[in-house]
């Protein structure tokens, strides 16, 4: 009987707490669901912990949980208003935008500072329908962790196809050097070899493979290079 009673209590808590949680989440605003900046992410985690503990442990006072949810939601709305009206405070509780690509160059130091790997950035580029980093004039990791890209002017929405010109395969490039290591199998698939690669690097004044953070080759044999050391300064500065 005790087990049945506890299960009924758990069911009753689920039925009552989910509508309350839904109302609080909707009142907190669409921003909390769609963007999840770091503070809102913490709020969602706390709400999940509070609700999870309430459902799992019948000994916890159900009313206390409901009050805690309302107070957490109220605090989030208050903090969100402060962040809007007080810019300095808003910048303290979230991450600043970080430039990770500038003029087609991957900025390793900035990626390292926010703990994003090369694979992370390449995947996010593909999710933006970009298969060649050289097409990007500016790439920015936003405060919510997403990558925003601004394509180079000649890579905008108006394409050669729009002008009735035959399409080429320049839009896709293949990695041949990643963090100083040559990918010989990729070179072989492109009917190239390490000698060709070293000659191309030499033409651009690069004598040591270990200087190269990332390099890719398009099907028409254009080599694009990002070195370990790249200037990341952009004027004017990009903020929130």
C-alpha atoms as a PDB file:
ATOM      1  CA  UNK A   1       0.000   0.000   0.000  1.00  0.00           C
ATOM      2  CA  UNK A   2       2.815   2.392   0.823  1.00  0.00           C
ATOM      3  CA  UNK A   3       4.299   1.862  -2.646  1.00  0.00           C
ATOM      4  CA  UNK A   4       0.959   2.568  -4.337  1.00  0.00           C
ATOM      5  CA  UNK A   5       0.517   5.684  -2.217  1.00  0.00           C
ATOM      6  CA  UNK A   6       3.962   6.978  -3.149  1.00  0.00           C
ATOM      7  CA  UNK A   7       3.334   6.305  -6.858  1.00  0.00           C
ATOM      8  CA  UNK A   8       0.063   8.237  -6.686  1.00  0.00           C
ATOM      9  CA  UNK A   9       1.916  11.114  -5.010  1.00  0.00           C
ATOM     10  CA  UNK A  10       4.574  11.085  -7.770  1.00  0.00           C
ATOM     11  CA  UNK A  11       1.865  11.052 -10.458  1.00  0.00           C
ATOM     12  CA  UNK A  12       0.076  13.938  -8.768  1.00  0.00           C
ATOM     13  CA  UNK A  13       3.298  15.927  -8.611  1.00  0.00           C
ATOM     14  CA  UNK A  14       4.013  15.351 -12.291  1.00  0.00           C
ATOM     15  CA  UNK A  15       0.504  16.428 -13.260  1.00  0.00           C
ATOM     16  CA  UNK A  16       0.722  19.630 -11.203  1.00  0.00           C
ATOM     17  CA  UNK A  17       4.382  20.612 -11.646  1.00  0.00           C
ATOM     18  CA  UNK A  18       4.649  20.303 -15.440  1.00  0.00           C
ATOM     19  CA  UNK A  19       1.903  22.889 -16.169  1.00  0.00           C
ATOM     20  CA  UNK A  20       3.527  25.257 -13.634  1.00  0.00           C
ATOM     21  CA  UNK A  21       6.949  24.731 -15.200  1.00  0.00           C
ATOM     22  CA  UNK A  22       5.483  25.331 -18.664  1.00  0.00           C
ATOM     23  CA  UNK A  23       3.851  28.594 -17.557  1.00  0.00           C
ATOM     24  CA  UNK A  24       7.060  29.858 -15.901  1.00  0.00           C
ATOM     25  CA  UNK A  25       9.143  28.955 -18.948  1.00  0.00           C
ATOM     26  CA  UNK A  26       6.747  30.777 -21.296  1.00  0.00           C
ATOM     27  CA  UNK A  27       6.696  33.813 -19.014  1.00  0.00           C
ATOM     28  CA  UNK A  28      10.510  33.827 -18.890  1.00  0.00           C
ATOM     29  CA  UNK A  29      10.447  34.464 -22.632  1.00  0.00           C
ATOM     30  CA  UNK A  30      11.313  32.858 -25.940  1.00  0.00           C
ATOM     31  CA  UNK A  31      14.965  33.893 -25.525  1.00  0.00           C
ATOM     32  CA  UNK A  32      15.465  31.280 -22.826  1.00  0.00           C
ATOM     33  CA  UNK A  33      14.386  28.476 -25.160  1.00  0.00           C
ATOM     34  CA  UNK A  34      15.776  29.624 -28.517  1.00  0.00           C
ATOM     35  CA  UNK A  35      19.185  31.021 -27.545  1.00  0.00           C
ATOM     36  CA  UNK A  36      20.155  29.764 -24.080  1.00  0.00           C
ATOM     37  CA  UNK A  37      22.883  32.236 -23.082  1.00  0.00           C
ATOM     38  CA  UNK A  38      24.987  30.985 -20.176  1.00  0.00           C
ATOM     39  CA  UNK A  39      22.805  32.479 -17.389  1.00  0.00           C
ATOM     40  CA  UNK A  40      19.585  31.109 -18.880  1.00  0.00           C
ATOM     41  CA  UNK A  41      21.283  27.749 -19.316  1.00  0.00           C
ATOM     42  CA  UNK A  42      22.075  27.696 -15.590  1.00  0.00           C
ATOM     43  CA  UNK A  43      18.469  28.629 -14.778  1.00  0.00           C
ATOM     44  CA  UNK A  44      17.178  25.727 -16.887  1.00  0.00           C
ATOM     45  CA  UNK A  45      19.596  23.350 -15.126  1.00  0.00           C
ATOM     46  CA  UNK A  46      18.438  24.523 -11.704  1.00  0.00           C
ATOM     47  CA  UNK A  47      14.779  24.226 -12.654  1.00  0.00           C
ATOM     48  CA  UNK A  48      15.411  20.687 -13.888  1.00  0.00           C
ATOM     49  CA  UNK A  49      17.195  19.753 -10.653  1.00  0.00           C
ATOM     50  CA  UNK A  50      14.428  21.203  -8.482  1.00  0.00           C
ATOM     51  CA  UNK A  51      11.631  19.506 -10.429  1.00  0.00           C
ATOM     52  CA  UNK A  52      13.539  16.219 -10.673  1.00  0.00           C
ATOM     53  CA  UNK A  53      14.117  16.101  -6.919  1.00  0.00           C
ATOM     54  CA  UNK A  54      10.461  16.913  -6.234  1.00  0.00           C
ATOM     55  CA  UNK A  55       9.174  14.145  -8.511  1.00  0.00           C
ATOM     56  CA  UNK A  56      11.690  11.521  -7.356  1.00  0.00           C
ATOM     57  CA  UNK A  57      11.386  12.120  -3.601  1.00  0.00           C
ATOM     58  CA  UNK A  58       7.852  12.164  -2.124  1.00  0.00           C
ATOM     59  CA  UNK A  59       9.323  13.427   1.187  1.00  0.00           C
ATOM     60  CA  UNK A  60      10.105  16.831  -0.332  1.00  0.00           C
ATOM     61  CA  UNK A  61       7.394  19.414   0.338  1.00  0.00           C
ATOM     62  CA  UNK A  62       5.556  19.900  -2.957  1.00  0.00           C
ATOM     63  CA  UNK A  63       4.524  23.461  -2.111  1.00  0.00           C
ATOM     64  CA  UNK A  64       8.156  24.404  -1.489  1.00  0.00           C
ATOM     65  CA  UNK A  65       9.048  23.167  -4.959  1.00  0.00           C
ATOM     66  CA  UNK A  66       6.279  25.246  -6.559  1.00  0.00           C
ATOM     67  CA  UNK A  67       7.443  28.362  -4.688  1.00  0.00           C
ATOM     68  CA  UNK A  68      11.069  27.674  -5.709  1.00  0.00           C
ATOM     69  CA  UNK A  69      10.079  27.420  -9.393  1.00  0.00           C
ATOM     70  CA  UNK A  70       8.183  30.722  -9.230  1.00  0.00           C
ATOM     71  CA  UNK A  71      11.084  32.461  -7.466  1.00  0.00           C
ATOM     72  CA  UNK A  72      13.666  31.088  -9.931  1.00  0.00           C
ATOM     73  CA  UNK A  73      11.529  32.249 -12.864  1.00  0.00           C
ATOM     74  CA  UNK A  74      11.095  35.671 -11.261  1.00  0.00           C
ATOM     75  CA  UNK A  75      14.853  35.973 -10.677  1.00  0.00           C
ATOM     76  CA  UNK A  76      15.564  35.096 -14.288  1.00  0.00           C
ATOM     77  CA  UNK A  77      13.162  37.764 -15.555  1.00  0.00           C
ATOM     78  CA  UNK A  78      14.672  40.351 -13.198  1.00  0.00           C
ATOM     79  CA  UNK A  79      18.228  39.496 -14.277  1.00  0.00           C
ATOM     80  CA  UNK A  80      17.175  39.609 -17.950  1.00  0.00           C
ATOM     81  CA  UNK A  81      15.741  43.128 -17.485  1.00  0.00           C
ATOM     82  CA  UNK A  82      18.903  44.289 -15.709  1.00  0.00           C
ATOM     83  CA  UNK A  83      21.037  42.846 -18.510  1.00  0.00           C
ATOM     84  CA  UNK A  84      19.020  44.838 -21.068  1.00  0.00           C
ATOM     85  CA  UNK A  85      19.041  48.140 -19.180  1.00  0.00           C
ATOM     86  CA  UNK A  86      22.597  47.855 -17.775  1.00  0.00           C
ATOM     87  CA  UNK A  87      24.962  46.834 -20.551  1.00  0.00           C
ATOM     88  CA  UNK A  88      28.011  46.317 -18.309  1.00  0.00           C
ATOM     89  CA  UNK A  89      26.071  43.959 -16.065  1.00  0.00           C
ATOM     90  CA  UNK A  90      24.797  42.059 -19.104  1.00  0.00           C
ATOM     91  CA  UNK A  91      28.336  41.542 -20.354  1.00  0.00           C
ATOM     92  CA  UNK A  92      29.405  40.185 -16.949  1.00  0.00           C
ATOM     93  CA  UNK A  93      26.903  37.318 -16.944  1.00  0.00           C
ATOM     94  CA  UNK A  94      27.500  35.999 -20.442  1.00  0.00           C
ATOM     95  CA  UNK A  95      30.269  35.339 -22.960  1.00  0.00           C
ATOM     96  CA  UNK A  96      31.563  37.962 -25.352  1.00  0.00           C
ATOM     97  CA  UNK A  97      31.391  37.212 -29.099  1.00  0.00           C
ATOM     98  CA  UNK A  98      34.691  35.721 -30.254  1.00  0.00           C
ATOM     99  CA  UNK A  99      36.110  35.979 -33.763  1.00  0.00           C
ATOM    100  CA  UNK A 100      37.363  32.588 -34.967  1.00  0.00           C
ATOM    101  CA  UNK A 101      37.675  33.275 -38.719  1.00  0.00           C
ATOM    102  CA  UNK A 102      38.994  36.472 -40.274  1.00  0.00           C
ATOM    103  CA  UNK A 103      39.464  36.903 -44.033  1.00  0.00           C
ATOM    104  CA  UNK A 104      39.359  33.129 -44.473  1.00  0.00           C
ATOM    105  CA  UNK A 105      41.997  32.516 -41.794  1.00  0.00           C
ATOM    106  CA  UNK A 106      41.182  30.284 -38.820  1.00  0.00           C
ATOM    107  CA  UNK A 107      42.321  31.994 -35.611  1.00  0.00           C
ATOM    108  CA  UNK A 108      43.746  29.222 -33.467  1.00  0.00           C
ATOM    109  CA  UNK A 109      44.489  31.372 -30.395  1.00  0.00           C
ATOM    110  CA  UNK A 110      40.880  32.577 -30.188  1.00  0.00           C
ATOM    111  CA  UNK A 111      39.575  29.041 -30.731  1.00  0.00           C
ATOM    112  CA  UNK A 112      41.852  27.773 -27.985  1.00  0.00           C
ATOM    113  CA  UNK A 113      40.714  30.511 -25.595  1.00  0.00           C
ATOM    114  CA  UNK A 114      37.052  29.468 -25.875  1.00  0.00           C
ATOM    115  CA  UNK A 115      37.996  25.762 -26.087  1.00  0.00           C
ATOM    116  CA  UNK A 116      36.660  25.117 -29.588  1.00  0.00           C
ATOM    117  CA  UNK A 117      38.509  22.547 -31.687  1.00  0.00           C
ATOM    118  CA  UNK A 118      39.174  22.758 -35.407  1.00  0.00           C
ATOM    119  CA  UNK A 119      36.644  19.959 -35.931  1.00  0.00           C
ATOM    120  CA  UNK A 120      33.996  22.000 -34.067  1.00  0.00           C
ATOM    121  CA  UNK A 121      34.492  25.001 -36.352  1.00  0.00           C
ATOM    122  CA  UNK A 122      34.563  22.955 -39.568  1.00  0.00           C
ATOM    123  CA  UNK A 123      31.343  21.190 -38.571  1.00  0.00           C
ATOM    124  CA  UNK A 124      29.647  24.498 -37.790  1.00  0.00           C
ATOM    125  CA  UNK A 125      30.769  25.873 -41.157  1.00  0.00           C
ATOM    126  CA  UNK A 126      29.183  22.901 -42.893  1.00  0.00           C
ATOM    127  CA  UNK A 127      25.992  23.508 -40.926  1.00  0.00           C
ATOM    128  CA  UNK A 128      26.046  26.995 -42.466  1.00  0.00           C
ATOM    129  CA  UNK A 129      26.398  25.429 -45.946  1.00  0.00           C
ATOM    130  CA  UNK A 130      30.049  26.491 -46.176  1.00  0.00           C
ATOM    131  CA  UNK A 131      32.601  23.901 -47.256  1.00  0.00           C
ATOM    132  CA  UNK A 132      35.593  26.176 -47.714  1.00  0.00           C
ATOM    133  CA  UNK A 133      36.833  28.436 -44.912  1.00  0.00           C
ATOM    134  CA  UNK A 134      38.294  30.829 -47.477  1.00  0.00           C
ATOM    135  CA  UNK A 135      34.722  31.817 -48.406  1.00  0.00           C
ATOM    136  CA  UNK A 136      34.279  33.432 -44.973  1.00  0.00           C
ATOM    137  CA  UNK A 137      35.268  37.039 -44.375  1.00  0.00           C
ATOM    138  CA  UNK A 138      34.266  36.951 -40.714  1.00  0.00           C
ATOM    139  CA  UNK A 139      33.218  34.067 -38.440  1.00  0.00           C
ATOM    140  CA  UNK A 140      32.041  34.787 -34.911  1.00  0.00           C
ATOM    141  CA  UNK A 141      31.155  32.445 -32.043  1.00  0.00           C
ATOM    142  CA  UNK A 142      28.193  34.146 -30.363  1.00  0.00           C
ATOM    143  CA  UNK A 143      27.427  34.151 -26.640  1.00  0.00           C
ATOM    144  CA  UNK A 144      25.078  31.187 -27.119  1.00  0.00           C
ATOM    145  CA  UNK A 145      27.854  29.114 -28.720  1.00  0.00           C
ATOM    146  CA  UNK A 146      26.578  29.311 -32.299  1.00  0.00           C
ATOM    147  CA  UNK A 147      28.727  30.322 -35.267  1.00  0.00           C
ATOM    148  CA  UNK A 148      27.681  33.381 -37.263  1.00  0.00           C
ATOM    149  CA  UNK A 149      29.389  33.840 -40.613  1.00  0.00           C
ATOM    150  CA  UNK A 150      29.699  36.743 -43.027  1.00  0.00           C
ATOM    151  CA  UNK A 151      30.754  35.556 -46.452  1.00  0.00           C
ATOM    152  CA  UNK A 152      33.244  37.380 -48.608  1.00  0.00           C
ATOM    153  CA  UNK A 153      31.463  39.799 -50.995  1.00  0.00           C
ATOM    154  CA  UNK A 154      32.158  37.634 -54.040  1.00  0.00           C
ATOM    155  CA  UNK A 155      30.675  34.615 -52.237  1.00  0.00           C
ATOM    156  CA  UNK A 156      27.302  36.154 -51.427  1.00  0.00           C
ATOM    157  CA  UNK A 157      23.814  35.005 -52.273  1.00  0.00           C
ATOM    158  CA  UNK A 158      24.045  36.040 -55.950  1.00  0.00           C
ATOM    159  CA  UNK A 159      25.804  33.063 -57.522  1.00  0.00           C
ATOM    160  CA  UNK A 160      27.276  32.358 -60.920  1.00  0.00           C
ATOM    161  CA  UNK A 161      24.289  30.127 -61.571  1.00  0.00           C
ATOM    162  CA  UNK A 162      22.022  33.186 -61.199  1.00  0.00           C
ATOM    163  CA  UNK A 163      23.956  34.779 -64.062  1.00  0.00           C
ATOM    164  CA  UNK A 164      23.621  31.736 -66.308  1.00  0.00           C
ATOM    165  CA  UNK A 165      27.275  30.763 -65.977  1.00  0.00           C
ATOM    166  CA  UNK A 166      28.262  27.114 -65.675  1.00  0.00           C
ATOM    167  CA  UNK A 167      28.830  26.058 -62.084  1.00  0.00           C
ATOM    168  CA  UNK A 168      32.261  24.913 -60.919  1.00  0.00           C
ATOM    169  CA  UNK A 169      33.336  22.833 -57.908  1.00  0.00           C
ATOM    170  CA  UNK A 170      35.357  25.575 -56.222  1.00  0.00           C
ATOM    171  CA  UNK A 171      32.953  25.653 -53.287  1.00  0.00           C
ATOM    172  CA  UNK A 172      34.294  22.462 -51.679  1.00  0.00           C
ATOM    173  CA  UNK A 173      37.795  22.150 -50.276  1.00  0.00           C
ATOM    174  CA  UNK A 174      39.494  19.139 -48.704  1.00  0.00           C
ATOM    175  CA  UNK A 175      41.780  19.238 -45.644  1.00  0.00           C
ATOM    176  CA  UNK A 176      45.380  18.285 -46.433  1.00  0.00           C
ATOM    177  CA  UNK A 177      47.102  19.637 -43.305  1.00  0.00           C
ATOM    178  CA  UNK A 178      45.567  19.635 -39.835  1.00  0.00           C
ATOM    179  CA  UNK A 179      47.649  20.967 -36.933  1.00  0.00           C
ATOM    180  CA  UNK A 180      50.943  20.461 -38.743  1.00  0.00           C
ATOM    181  CA  UNK A 181      50.177  16.925 -39.993  1.00  0.00           C
ATOM    182  CA  UNK A 182      49.919  16.115 -43.724  1.00  0.00           C
ATOM    183  CA  UNK A 183      46.943  13.984 -44.776  1.00  0.00           C
ATOM    184  CA  UNK A 184      48.582  11.931 -47.533  1.00  0.00           C
ATOM    185  CA  UNK A 185      45.459   9.902 -48.315  1.00  0.00           C
ATOM    186  CA  UNK A 186      43.520  13.067 -49.194  1.00  0.00           C
ATOM    187  CA  UNK A 187      46.369  14.255 -51.424  1.00  0.00           C
ATOM    188  CA  UNK A 188      46.399  10.872 -53.152  1.00  0.00           C
ATOM    189  CA  UNK A 189      42.635  11.022 -53.782  1.00  0.00           C
ATOM    190  CA  UNK A 190      43.161  14.430 -55.408  1.00  0.00           C
ATOM    191  CA  UNK A 191      46.025  13.030 -57.549  1.00  0.00           C
ATOM    192  CA  UNK A 192      48.541  15.122 -55.615  1.00  0.00           C
ATOM    193  CA  UNK A 193      51.490  14.340 -53.349  1.00  0.00           C
ATOM    194  CA  UNK A 194      53.498  15.843 -50.499  1.00  0.00           C
ATOM    195  CA  UNK A 195      56.116  17.216 -52.922  1.00  0.00           C
ATOM    196  CA  UNK A 196      53.456  19.307 -54.681  1.00  0.00           C
ATOM    197  CA  UNK A 197      52.129  20.464 -51.324  1.00  0.00           C
ATOM    198  CA  UNK A 198      55.555  21.519 -50.043  1.00  0.00           C
ATOM    199  CA  UNK A 199      56.230  23.404 -53.274  1.00  0.00           C
ATOM    200  CA  UNK A 200      52.938  25.281 -52.935  1.00  0.00           C
ATOM    201  CA  UNK A 201      53.737  26.116 -49.312  1.00  0.00           C
ATOM    202  CA  UNK A 202      57.170  27.342 -50.370  1.00  0.00           C
ATOM    203  CA  UNK A 203      55.554  29.690 -52.907  1.00  0.00           C
ATOM    204  CA  UNK A 204      53.705  31.303 -49.996  1.00  0.00           C
ATOM    205  CA  UNK A 205      56.871  31.613 -47.915  1.00  0.00           C
ATOM    206  CA  UNK A 206      56.213  28.649 -45.636  1.00  0.00           C
ATOM    207  CA  UNK A 207      59.148  26.299 -45.172  1.00  0.00           C
ATOM    208  CA  UNK A 208      57.993  24.386 -42.093  1.00  0.00           C
ATOM    209  CA  UNK A 209      54.828  22.251 -42.123  1.00  0.00           C
ATOM    210  CA  UNK A 210      54.512  22.739 -38.358  1.00  0.00           C
ATOM    211  CA  UNK A 211      53.696  26.422 -38.942  1.00  0.00           C
ATOM    212  CA  UNK A 212      50.420  25.399 -40.597  1.00  0.00           C
ATOM    213  CA  UNK A 213      47.336  25.048 -38.406  1.00  0.00           C
ATOM    214  CA  UNK A 214      45.001  24.117 -41.246  1.00  0.00           C
ATOM    215  CA  UNK A 215      45.331  23.843 -45.018  1.00  0.00           C
ATOM    216  CA  UNK A 216      42.833  22.735 -47.631  1.00  0.00           C
ATOM    217  CA  UNK A 217      42.845  22.160 -51.380  1.00  0.00           C
ATOM    218  CA  UNK A 218      39.984  22.662 -53.803  1.00  0.00           C
ATOM    219  CA  UNK A 219      39.457  20.429 -56.832  1.00  0.00           C
ATOM    220  CA  UNK A 220      41.058  23.041 -59.066  1.00  0.00           C
ATOM    221  CA  UNK A 221      44.186  22.761 -56.857  1.00  0.00           C
ATOM    222  CA  UNK A 222      43.879  26.056 -55.021  1.00  0.00           C
ATOM    223  CA  UNK A 223      45.623  25.843 -51.652  1.00  0.00           C
ATOM    224  CA  UNK A 224      44.172  27.740 -48.703  1.00  0.00           C
ATOM    225  CA  UNK A 225      46.279  28.077 -45.543  1.00  0.00           C
ATOM    226  CA  UNK A 226      45.689  29.141 -41.936  1.00  0.00           C
ATOM    227  CA  UNK A 227      48.827  29.509 -39.824  1.00  0.00           C
ATOM    228  CA  UNK A 228      49.096  29.001 -36.082  1.00  0.00           C
ATOM    229  CA  UNK A 229      49.826  32.687 -35.588  1.00  0.00           C
ATOM    230  CA  UNK A 230      47.202  34.995 -37.087  1.00  0.00           C
ATOM    231  CA  UNK A 231      46.201  38.536 -36.155  1.00  0.00           C
ATOM    232  CA  UNK A 232      42.702  38.533 -34.618  1.00  0.00           C
ATOM    233  CA  UNK A 233      42.179  42.286 -34.294  1.00  0.00           C
ATOM    234  CA  UNK A 234      39.089  43.734 -35.964  1.00  0.00           C
ATOM    235  CA  UNK A 235      38.262  47.438 -35.931  1.00  0.00           C
ATOM    236  CA  UNK A 236      35.738  48.520 -34.834  1.00  0.00           C
ATOM    237  CA  UNK A 237      35.481  45.846 -32.152  1.00  0.00           C
ATOM    238  CA  UNK A 238      32.496  43.488 -32.314  1.00  0.00           C
ATOM    239  CA  UNK A 239      30.564  43.362 -29.033  1.00  0.00           C
ATOM    240  CA  UNK A 240      27.093  42.242 -27.967  1.00  0.00           C
END
